[in-house]
Amino acid sequence: MTLPRVAVMGLALCTLLACSSVPRIVKEYRIDVQQGNVLSQEMVSQLRPGLTRDQVRFILGTPVLMDMFHANRWDYFYSLQKGRSGEIESRRFSVFFDTDGRLVRVSGDVAPAQPGDTAVVSETRNREIDLGSLPADGSMAMPPPDEPGFFGRMMDSVGL
């Protein structure tokens, strides 16, 4: 009578142990998880001292953190976790305003692009950028306006 009980218990134990190990023949797909604001060099290079809060929000997007204890500071965070490797890339960018709500300075991981510089500077991490050295009047050369396309010309010919 004890032999069948031991055999049943052994079979149940072997069944449970077989369920705990999964062979890694097939790898599951893991997605890349992106969170926060994606800031490019072009976006940062558009910032000028004296911009209002609305203009900065239009250029950079809505900040991730608007702290009530630091009302004159907006923080933009970005995090990317790669699915396969699991490595995490994170960036931080802060925008500072004066008491009138005008842009004064910025700091963070993204460096401003110079007018003739097309290369992205990746080794500059966590530095403060003085926007006072940039021309406040926007005297940099602007690209020519785009010519209207097919539908734009059609609307102009109709008078709309």
N, C-alpha and C. Protein backbone atom coordinates (compact mmCIF):
# COMPACT_ATOMS: atom_id res chain seq x y z
N MET A 1 0.81 -1.20 0.00
CA MET A 1 0.00 0.00 0.00
C MET A 1 0.86 1.26 0.00
N THR A 2 2.01 1.24 0.63
CA THR A 2 2.87 2.42 0.65
C THR A 2 3.60 2.63 -0.67
N LEU A 3 3.85 1.52 -1.39
CA LEU A 3 4.53 1.65 -2.67
C LEU A 3 3.72 2.47 -3.68
N PRO A 4 2.39 2.25 -3.84
CA PRO A 4 1.63 3.09 -4.77
C PRO A 4 1.61 4.55 -4.33
N ARG A 5 1.56 4.82 -3.04
CA ARG A 5 1.56 6.21 -2.57
C ARG A 5 2.90 6.89 -2.89
N VAL A 6 3.98 6.18 -2.68
CA VAL A 6 5.30 6.74 -2.96
C VAL A 6 5.44 6.96 -4.47
N ALA A 7 4.94 6.03 -5.25
CA ALA A 7 5.02 6.16 -6.70
C ALA A 7 4.20 7.35 -7.19
N VAL A 8 3.00 7.53 -6.64
CA VAL A 8 2.15 8.66 -7.02
C VAL A 8 2.81 9.97 -6.60
N MET A 9 3.39 10.02 -5.41
CA MET A 9 4.06 11.24 -4.93
C MET A 9 5.29 11.55 -5.78
N GLY A 10 6.03 10.53 -6.15
CA GLY A 10 7.21 10.71 -7.01
C GLY A 10 6.82 11.21 -8.38
N LEU A 11 5.73 10.66 -8.94
CA LEU A 11 5.25 11.11 -10.24
C LEU A 11 4.77 12.56 -10.18
N ALA A 12 4.05 12.92 -9.11
CA ALA A 12 3.58 14.30 -8.95
C ALA A 12 4.76 15.25 -8.79
N LEU A 13 5.78 14.86 -8.05
CA LEU A 13 6.95 15.70 -7.86
C LEU A 13 7.71 15.89 -9.17
N CYS A 14 7.87 14.83 -9.95
CA CYS A 14 8.54 14.92 -11.25
C CYS A 14 7.75 15.82 -12.21
N THR A 15 6.44 15.76 -12.16
CA THR A 15 5.60 16.60 -13.02
C THR A 15 5.77 18.07 -12.67
N LEU A 16 5.77 18.37 -11.38
CA LEU A 16 5.95 19.77 -10.96
C LEU A 16 7.34 20.29 -11.29
N LEU A 17 8.36 19.46 -11.13
CA LEU A 17 9.71 19.88 -11.46
C LEU A 17 9.89 20.09 -12.96
N ALA A 18 9.20 19.34 -13.76
CA ALA A 18 9.31 19.49 -15.21
C ALA A 18 8.71 20.83 -15.67
N CYS A 19 7.73 21.34 -14.95
CA CYS A 19 7.10 22.61 -15.33
C CYS A 19 7.96 23.82 -14.96
N SER A 20 8.91 23.67 -14.07
CA SER A 20 9.67 24.82 -13.60
C SER A 20 10.80 25.21 -14.53
N SER A 21 11.29 24.33 -15.35
CA SER A 21 12.39 24.69 -16.25
C SER A 21 11.86 24.77 -17.68
N VAL A 22 12.21 25.89 -18.34
CA VAL A 22 11.78 26.11 -19.72
C VAL A 22 13.04 26.17 -20.58
N PRO A 23 13.14 25.37 -21.59
CA PRO A 23 14.32 25.45 -22.46
C PRO A 23 14.30 26.76 -23.26
N ARG A 24 15.46 27.38 -23.40
CA ARG A 24 15.57 28.68 -24.10
C ARG A 24 15.89 28.48 -25.58
N ILE A 25 15.14 27.63 -26.23
CA ILE A 25 15.30 27.42 -27.65
C ILE A 25 14.68 28.60 -28.40
N VAL A 26 13.51 29.04 -27.97
CA VAL A 26 12.80 30.14 -28.59
C VAL A 26 12.91 31.34 -27.66
N LYS A 27 13.44 32.46 -28.18
CA LYS A 27 13.58 33.69 -27.40
C LYS A 27 12.33 34.55 -27.61
N GLU A 28 11.84 35.12 -26.55
CA GLU A 28 10.69 35.99 -26.67
C GLU A 28 11.14 37.36 -27.17
N TYR A 29 10.23 38.06 -27.80
CA TYR A 29 10.52 39.40 -28.33
C TYR A 29 10.24 40.41 -27.24
N ARG A 30 11.19 41.30 -27.02
CA ARG A 30 11.02 42.38 -26.06
C ARG A 30 11.09 43.70 -26.79
N ILE A 31 10.12 44.55 -26.54
CA ILE A 31 10.05 45.82 -27.23
C ILE A 31 10.95 46.85 -26.56
N ASP A 32 11.31 47.89 -27.31
CA ASP A 32 12.04 49.02 -26.76
C ASP A 32 11.02 49.92 -26.06
N VAL A 33 11.32 50.31 -24.83
CA VAL A 33 10.42 51.15 -24.05
C VAL A 33 11.00 52.56 -24.02
N GLN A 34 10.27 53.51 -24.61
CA GLN A 34 10.71 54.90 -24.68
C GLN A 34 9.77 55.74 -23.84
N GLN A 35 10.34 56.58 -22.96
CA GLN A 35 9.53 57.42 -22.10
C GLN A 35 10.10 58.82 -22.08
N GLY A 36 9.24 59.80 -21.96
CA GLY A 36 9.68 61.18 -21.84
C GLY A 36 9.69 61.92 -23.15
N ASN A 37 10.41 63.06 -23.16
CA ASN A 37 10.49 63.94 -24.31
C ASN A 37 11.75 63.64 -25.12
N VAL A 38 11.61 63.51 -26.42
CA VAL A 38 12.76 63.34 -27.30
C VAL A 38 13.17 64.74 -27.75
N LEU A 39 14.37 65.16 -27.37
CA LEU A 39 14.87 66.49 -27.74
C LEU A 39 16.02 66.32 -28.72
N SER A 40 15.95 67.03 -29.83
CA SER A 40 17.01 66.97 -30.83
C SER A 40 17.87 68.22 -30.73
N GLN A 41 19.01 68.19 -31.42
CA GLN A 41 19.90 69.34 -31.45
C GLN A 41 19.22 70.54 -32.12
N GLU A 42 18.40 70.29 -33.13
CA GLU A 42 17.72 71.37 -33.83
C GLU A 42 16.73 72.08 -32.90
N MET A 43 16.07 71.31 -32.05
CA MET A 43 15.12 71.91 -31.11
C MET A 43 15.85 72.80 -30.10
N VAL A 44 16.97 72.33 -29.59
CA VAL A 44 17.72 73.10 -28.59
C VAL A 44 18.34 74.34 -29.23
N SER A 45 18.78 74.24 -30.47
CA SER A 45 19.41 75.39 -31.13
C SER A 45 18.40 76.50 -31.44
N GLN A 46 17.12 76.22 -31.39
CA GLN A 46 16.09 77.24 -31.61
C GLN A 46 15.84 78.09 -30.37
N LEU A 47 16.35 77.67 -29.22
CA LEU A 47 16.13 78.41 -27.99
C LEU A 47 16.96 79.68 -27.98
N ARG A 48 16.36 80.77 -27.59
CA ARG A 48 17.02 82.08 -27.49
C ARG A 48 16.65 82.69 -26.15
N PRO A 49 17.54 83.52 -25.58
CA PRO A 49 17.17 84.20 -24.34
C PRO A 49 16.02 85.16 -24.58
N GLY A 50 15.12 85.19 -23.65
CA GLY A 50 13.98 86.09 -23.76
C GLY A 50 12.72 85.45 -24.30
N LEU A 51 12.78 84.18 -24.70
CA LEU A 51 11.57 83.50 -25.17
C LEU A 51 10.58 83.33 -24.02
N THR A 52 9.31 83.38 -24.32
CA THR A 52 8.29 83.19 -23.29
C THR A 52 8.11 81.69 -23.01
N ARG A 53 7.37 81.40 -21.97
CA ARG A 53 7.10 80.00 -21.62
C ARG A 53 6.33 79.29 -22.73
N ASP A 54 5.39 79.99 -23.35
CA ASP A 54 4.61 79.39 -24.44
C ASP A 54 5.49 79.08 -25.65
N GLN A 55 6.42 79.95 -25.94
CA GLN A 55 7.31 79.72 -27.07
C GLN A 55 8.23 78.53 -26.81
N VAL A 56 8.72 78.41 -25.58
CA VAL A 56 9.57 77.27 -25.22
C VAL A 56 8.76 75.98 -25.27
N ARG A 57 7.51 76.02 -24.80
CA ARG A 57 6.66 74.84 -24.85
C ARG A 57 6.37 74.45 -26.30
N PHE A 58 6.23 75.43 -27.19
CA PHE A 58 6.01 75.14 -28.60
C PHE A 58 7.23 74.47 -29.23
N ILE A 59 8.44 74.90 -28.85
CA ILE A 59 9.67 74.35 -29.43
C ILE A 59 9.99 72.98 -28.86
N LEU A 60 9.96 72.83 -27.53
CA LEU A 60 10.40 71.60 -26.87
C LEU A 60 9.28 70.64 -26.52
N GLY A 61 8.06 71.11 -26.46
CA GLY A 61 6.96 70.27 -26.03
C GLY A 61 6.67 70.49 -24.56
N THR A 62 5.67 69.81 -24.05
CA THR A 62 5.29 69.93 -22.65
C THR A 62 6.33 69.26 -21.77
N PRO A 63 6.81 69.94 -20.73
CA PRO A 63 7.83 69.33 -19.88
C PRO A 63 7.27 68.17 -19.07
N VAL A 64 8.15 67.25 -18.72
CA VAL A 64 7.75 66.11 -17.91
C VAL A 64 7.53 66.56 -16.47
N LEU A 65 8.35 67.49 -15.99
CA LEU A 65 8.27 67.91 -14.59
C LEU A 65 8.20 69.42 -14.51
N MET A 66 7.09 69.91 -13.93
CA MET A 66 6.93 71.32 -13.61
C MET A 66 6.74 71.38 -12.10
N ASP A 67 7.83 71.54 -11.38
CA ASP A 67 7.84 71.46 -9.93
C ASP A 67 7.22 72.72 -9.32
N MET A 68 6.34 72.54 -8.36
CA MET A 68 5.72 73.70 -7.73
C MET A 68 6.67 74.43 -6.79
N PHE A 69 7.74 73.77 -6.35
CA PHE A 69 8.71 74.41 -5.49
C PHE A 69 9.76 75.18 -6.30
N HIS A 70 9.92 74.85 -7.56
CA HIS A 70 10.81 75.55 -8.47
C HIS A 70 9.98 75.98 -9.68
N ALA A 71 9.20 77.02 -9.52
CA ALA A 71 8.26 77.42 -10.57
C ALA A 71 8.96 77.96 -11.81
N ASN A 72 10.20 78.40 -11.68
CA ASN A 72 10.92 78.96 -12.82
C ASN A 72 11.82 77.94 -13.49
N ARG A 73 11.56 76.66 -13.29
CA ARG A 73 12.39 75.60 -13.87
C ARG A 73 11.49 74.51 -14.45
N TRP A 74 11.77 74.13 -15.68
CA TRP A 74 11.10 72.99 -16.31
C TRP A 74 12.14 71.92 -16.59
N ASP A 75 11.78 70.68 -16.35
CA ASP A 75 12.69 69.56 -16.58
C ASP A 75 12.11 68.64 -17.64
N TYR A 76 12.96 68.26 -18.57
CA TYR A 76 12.62 67.33 -19.64
C TYR A 76 13.48 66.08 -19.45
N PHE A 77 12.84 64.93 -19.34
CA PHE A 77 13.55 63.67 -19.16
C PHE A 77 13.27 62.77 -20.35
N TYR A 78 14.24 61.93 -20.66
CA TYR A 78 14.08 60.96 -21.73
C TYR A 78 14.75 59.67 -21.29
N SER A 79 14.07 58.56 -21.48
CA SER A 79 14.61 57.25 -21.12
C SER A 79 14.25 56.26 -22.21
N LEU A 80 15.24 55.46 -22.63
CA LEU A 80 15.03 54.43 -23.63
C LEU A 80 15.66 53.15 -23.13
N GLN A 81 14.82 52.12 -22.94
CA GLN A 81 15.30 50.82 -22.51
C GLN A 81 15.23 49.88 -23.71
N LYS A 82 16.39 49.39 -24.11
CA LYS A 82 16.46 48.48 -25.25
C LYS A 82 15.88 47.14 -24.84
N GLY A 83 15.09 46.55 -25.71
CA GLY A 83 14.40 45.31 -25.40
C GLY A 83 15.33 44.12 -25.28
N ARG A 84 16.20 43.92 -26.26
CA ARG A 84 17.08 42.75 -26.26
C ARG A 84 18.17 42.84 -25.22
N SER A 85 18.89 43.96 -25.20
CA SER A 85 20.05 44.06 -24.31
C SER A 85 19.67 44.51 -22.91
N GLY A 86 18.59 45.24 -22.76
CA GLY A 86 18.17 45.70 -21.45
C GLY A 86 18.89 46.95 -20.99
N GLU A 87 19.81 47.49 -21.80
CA GLU A 87 20.52 48.69 -21.38
C GLU A 87 19.60 49.89 -21.44
N ILE A 88 19.83 50.85 -20.56
CA ILE A 88 18.96 52.02 -20.43
C ILE A 88 19.76 53.27 -20.78
N GLU A 89 19.24 54.04 -21.73
CA GLU A 89 19.82 55.32 -22.09
C GLU A 89 18.91 56.40 -21.52
N SER A 90 19.47 57.32 -20.77
CA SER A 90 18.65 58.38 -20.18
C SER A 90 19.30 59.73 -20.41
N ARG A 91 18.46 60.73 -20.58
CA ARG A 91 18.92 62.10 -20.78
C ARG A 91 18.06 63.02 -19.92
N ARG A 92 18.67 64.16 -19.56
CA ARG A 92 17.98 65.15 -18.75
C ARG A 92 18.30 66.53 -19.29
N PHE A 93 17.29 67.38 -19.38
CA PHE A 93 17.46 68.74 -19.89
C PHE A 93 16.58 69.66 -19.07
N SER A 94 17.13 70.77 -18.61
CA SER A 94 16.40 71.72 -17.78
C SER A 94 16.39 73.09 -18.43
N VAL A 95 15.27 73.79 -18.28
CA VAL A 95 15.09 75.13 -18.82
C VAL A 95 14.75 76.04 -17.65
N PHE A 96 15.43 77.19 -17.56
CA PHE A 96 15.24 78.12 -16.45
C PHE A 96 14.69 79.44 -16.96
N PHE A 97 13.72 79.99 -16.22
CA PHE A 97 13.08 81.25 -16.58
C PHE A 97 13.33 82.27 -15.48
N ASP A 98 13.20 83.58 -15.82
CA ASP A 98 13.29 84.61 -14.80
C ASP A 98 11.90 84.83 -14.20
N THR A 99 11.78 85.84 -13.36
CA THR A 99 10.50 86.07 -12.68
C THR A 99 9.40 86.54 -13.62
N ASP A 100 9.79 87.08 -14.78
CA ASP A 100 8.80 87.53 -15.77
C ASP A 100 8.37 86.42 -16.71
N GLY A 101 8.94 85.23 -16.57
CA GLY A 101 8.58 84.11 -17.43
C GLY A 101 9.36 84.10 -18.74
N ARG A 102 10.52 84.72 -18.77
CA ARG A 102 11.37 84.74 -19.96
C ARG A 102 12.54 83.77 -19.78
N LEU A 103 12.94 83.13 -20.86
CA LEU A 103 14.01 82.15 -20.82
C LEU A 103 15.34 82.83 -20.49
N VAL A 104 16.07 82.25 -19.52
CA VAL A 104 17.34 82.80 -19.09
C VAL A 104 18.48 81.87 -19.47
N ARG A 105 18.39 80.59 -19.09
CA ARG A 105 19.47 79.64 -19.35
C ARG A 105 18.90 78.23 -19.43
N VAL A 106 19.71 77.34 -19.95
CA VAL A 106 19.35 75.92 -20.04
C VAL A 106 20.54 75.10 -19.58
N SER A 107 20.28 73.89 -19.14
CA SER A 107 21.36 72.97 -18.77
C SER A 107 20.88 71.56 -19.03
N GLY A 108 21.84 70.67 -19.26
CA GLY A 108 21.46 69.29 -19.47
C GLY A 108 22.41 68.56 -20.40
N ASP A 109 21.93 67.47 -20.96
CA ASP A 109 22.74 66.57 -21.77
C ASP A 109 22.84 66.97 -23.23
N VAL A 110 21.99 67.86 -23.70
CA VAL A 110 21.96 68.20 -25.11
C VAL A 110 22.73 69.50 -25.31
N ALA A 111 23.66 69.53 -26.25
CA ALA A 111 24.47 70.72 -26.53
C ALA A 111 23.85 71.50 -27.67
N PRO A 112 23.97 72.84 -27.66
CA PRO A 112 23.40 73.61 -28.76
C PRO A 112 24.26 73.47 -30.01
N ALA A 113 23.64 73.44 -31.16
CA ALA A 113 24.36 73.35 -32.42
C ALA A 113 24.78 74.75 -32.84
N GLN A 114 25.99 74.88 -33.32
CA GLN A 114 26.49 76.16 -33.82
C GLN A 114 25.90 76.40 -35.20
N PRO A 115 25.86 77.66 -35.66
CA PRO A 115 25.24 77.92 -36.97
C PRO A 115 25.84 77.14 -38.13
N GLY A 116 27.17 76.95 -38.17
CA GLY A 116 27.77 76.23 -39.27
C GLY A 116 28.09 74.79 -38.94
N ASP A 117 27.70 74.30 -37.78
CA ASP A 117 28.06 72.96 -37.33
C ASP A 117 26.91 72.02 -37.61
N THR A 118 27.19 70.96 -38.37
CA THR A 118 26.15 69.98 -38.66
C THR A 118 26.36 68.70 -37.90
N ALA A 119 27.52 68.51 -37.30
CA ALA A 119 27.80 67.29 -36.55
C ALA A 119 27.15 67.36 -35.18
N VAL A 120 26.65 66.25 -34.72
CA VAL A 120 26.02 66.17 -33.41
C VAL A 120 27.11 65.90 -32.38
N VAL A 121 27.14 66.73 -31.35
CA VAL A 121 28.14 66.56 -30.31
C VAL A 121 27.57 65.62 -29.26
N SER A 122 28.13 64.42 -29.15
CA SER A 122 27.57 63.43 -28.24
C SER A 122 28.34 63.31 -26.95
N GLU A 123 29.59 63.83 -26.90
CA GLU A 123 30.37 63.65 -25.68
C GLU A 123 30.08 64.70 -24.62
N THR A 124 29.32 65.74 -24.95
CA THR A 124 28.99 66.74 -23.95
C THR A 124 27.79 66.27 -23.16
N ARG A 125 28.02 66.01 -21.90
CA ARG A 125 26.95 65.52 -21.04
C ARG A 125 26.84 66.46 -19.84
N ASN A 126 25.62 66.83 -19.50
CA ASN A 126 25.32 67.58 -18.30
C ASN A 126 26.14 68.85 -18.18
N ARG A 127 25.92 69.76 -19.08
CA ARG A 127 26.60 71.04 -19.01
C ARG A 127 25.60 72.16 -19.11
N GLU A 128 25.97 73.31 -18.60
CA GLU A 128 25.09 74.46 -18.62
C GLU A 128 25.44 75.32 -19.81
N ILE A 129 24.43 75.83 -20.48
CA ILE A 129 24.61 76.61 -21.70
C ILE A 129 24.13 78.03 -21.43
N ASP A 130 25.00 79.00 -21.65
CA ASP A 130 24.65 80.40 -21.47
C ASP A 130 24.00 80.90 -22.76
N LEU A 131 22.74 81.22 -22.70
CA LEU A 131 22.03 81.70 -23.89
C LEU A 131 22.30 83.16 -24.17
N GLY A 132 22.99 83.86 -23.25
CA GLY A 132 23.31 85.26 -23.46
C GLY A 132 24.32 85.46 -24.57
N SER A 133 25.11 84.43 -24.90
CA SER A 133 26.10 84.56 -25.97
C SER A 133 25.49 84.45 -27.35
N LEU A 134 24.27 83.98 -27.45
CA LEU A 134 23.58 83.87 -28.73
C LEU A 134 22.91 85.19 -29.06
N PRO A 135 22.81 85.56 -30.33
CA PRO A 135 22.15 86.83 -30.67
C PRO A 135 20.67 86.78 -30.30
N ALA A 136 20.22 87.77 -29.56
CA ALA A 136 18.84 87.81 -29.08
C ALA A 136 17.86 88.24 -30.17
N ASP A 137 18.36 88.95 -31.18
CA ASP A 137 17.46 89.44 -32.21
C ASP A 137 17.18 88.41 -33.30
N GLY A 138 17.81 87.24 -33.19
CA GLY A 138 17.58 86.19 -34.19
C GLY A 138 18.20 86.53 -35.53
N SER A 139 19.42 87.13 -35.51
CA SER A 139 20.05 87.58 -36.74
C SER A 139 20.71 86.46 -37.54
N MET A 140 20.50 85.23 -37.13
CA MET A 140 21.05 84.11 -37.87
C MET A 140 20.29 83.98 -39.18
N ALA A 141 20.97 83.45 -40.18
CA ALA A 141 20.35 83.33 -41.51
C ALA A 141 19.23 82.30 -41.46
N MET A 142 18.07 82.72 -41.89
CA MET A 142 16.91 81.83 -41.93
C MET A 142 16.82 81.20 -43.31
N PRO A 143 16.33 79.98 -43.39
CA PRO A 143 16.17 79.36 -44.70
C PRO A 143 15.07 80.06 -45.48
N PRO A 144 15.14 80.03 -46.84
CA PRO A 144 14.09 80.69 -47.63
C PRO A 144 12.76 79.97 -47.43
N PRO A 145 11.66 80.71 -47.51
CA PRO A 145 10.35 80.07 -47.34
C PRO A 145 10.09 79.08 -48.47
N ASP A 146 9.37 78.05 -48.16
CA ASP A 146 9.03 77.04 -49.15
C ASP A 146 8.04 77.62 -50.16
N GLU A 147 8.19 77.21 -51.41
CA GLU A 147 7.24 77.61 -52.42
C GLU A 147 5.96 76.78 -52.26
N PRO A 148 4.81 77.36 -52.58
CA PRO A 148 3.58 76.59 -52.43
C PRO A 148 3.55 75.40 -53.38
N GLY A 149 2.97 74.32 -52.93
CA GLY A 149 2.86 73.12 -53.74
C GLY A 149 1.70 73.21 -54.71
N PHE A 150 1.30 72.07 -55.24
CA PHE A 150 0.23 72.01 -56.23
C PHE A 150 -1.08 72.55 -55.66
N PHE A 151 -1.46 72.05 -54.48
CA PHE A 151 -2.73 72.48 -53.89
C PHE A 151 -2.67 73.93 -53.44
N GLY A 152 -1.50 74.38 -52.99
CA GLY A 152 -1.36 75.78 -52.60
C GLY A 152 -1.53 76.71 -53.78
N ARG A 153 -0.97 76.33 -54.94
CA ARG A 153 -1.15 77.14 -56.15
C ARG A 153 -2.60 77.11 -56.60
N MET A 154 -3.26 75.96 -56.48
CA MET A 154 -4.67 75.86 -56.86
C MET A 154 -5.53 76.77 -55.97
N MET A 155 -5.23 76.74 -54.69
CA MET A 155 -6.01 77.60 -53.77
C MET A 155 -5.74 79.07 -54.05
N ASP A 156 -4.51 79.42 -54.41
CA ASP A 156 -4.21 80.81 -54.75
C ASP A 156 -4.94 81.22 -56.04
N SER A 157 -5.00 80.32 -57.00
CA SER A 157 -5.67 80.67 -58.26
C SER A 157 -7.17 80.84 -58.07
N VAL A 158 -7.75 80.09 -57.14
CA VAL A 158 -9.18 80.22 -56.86
C VAL A 158 -9.44 81.46 -56.01
N GLY A 159 -8.44 81.89 -55.23
CA GLY A 159 -8.60 83.09 -54.42
C GLY A 159 -8.83 82.78 -52.96
N LEU A 160 -8.52 81.59 -52.54
CA LEU A 160 -8.68 81.24 -51.13
C LEU A 160 -7.38 81.24 -50.39
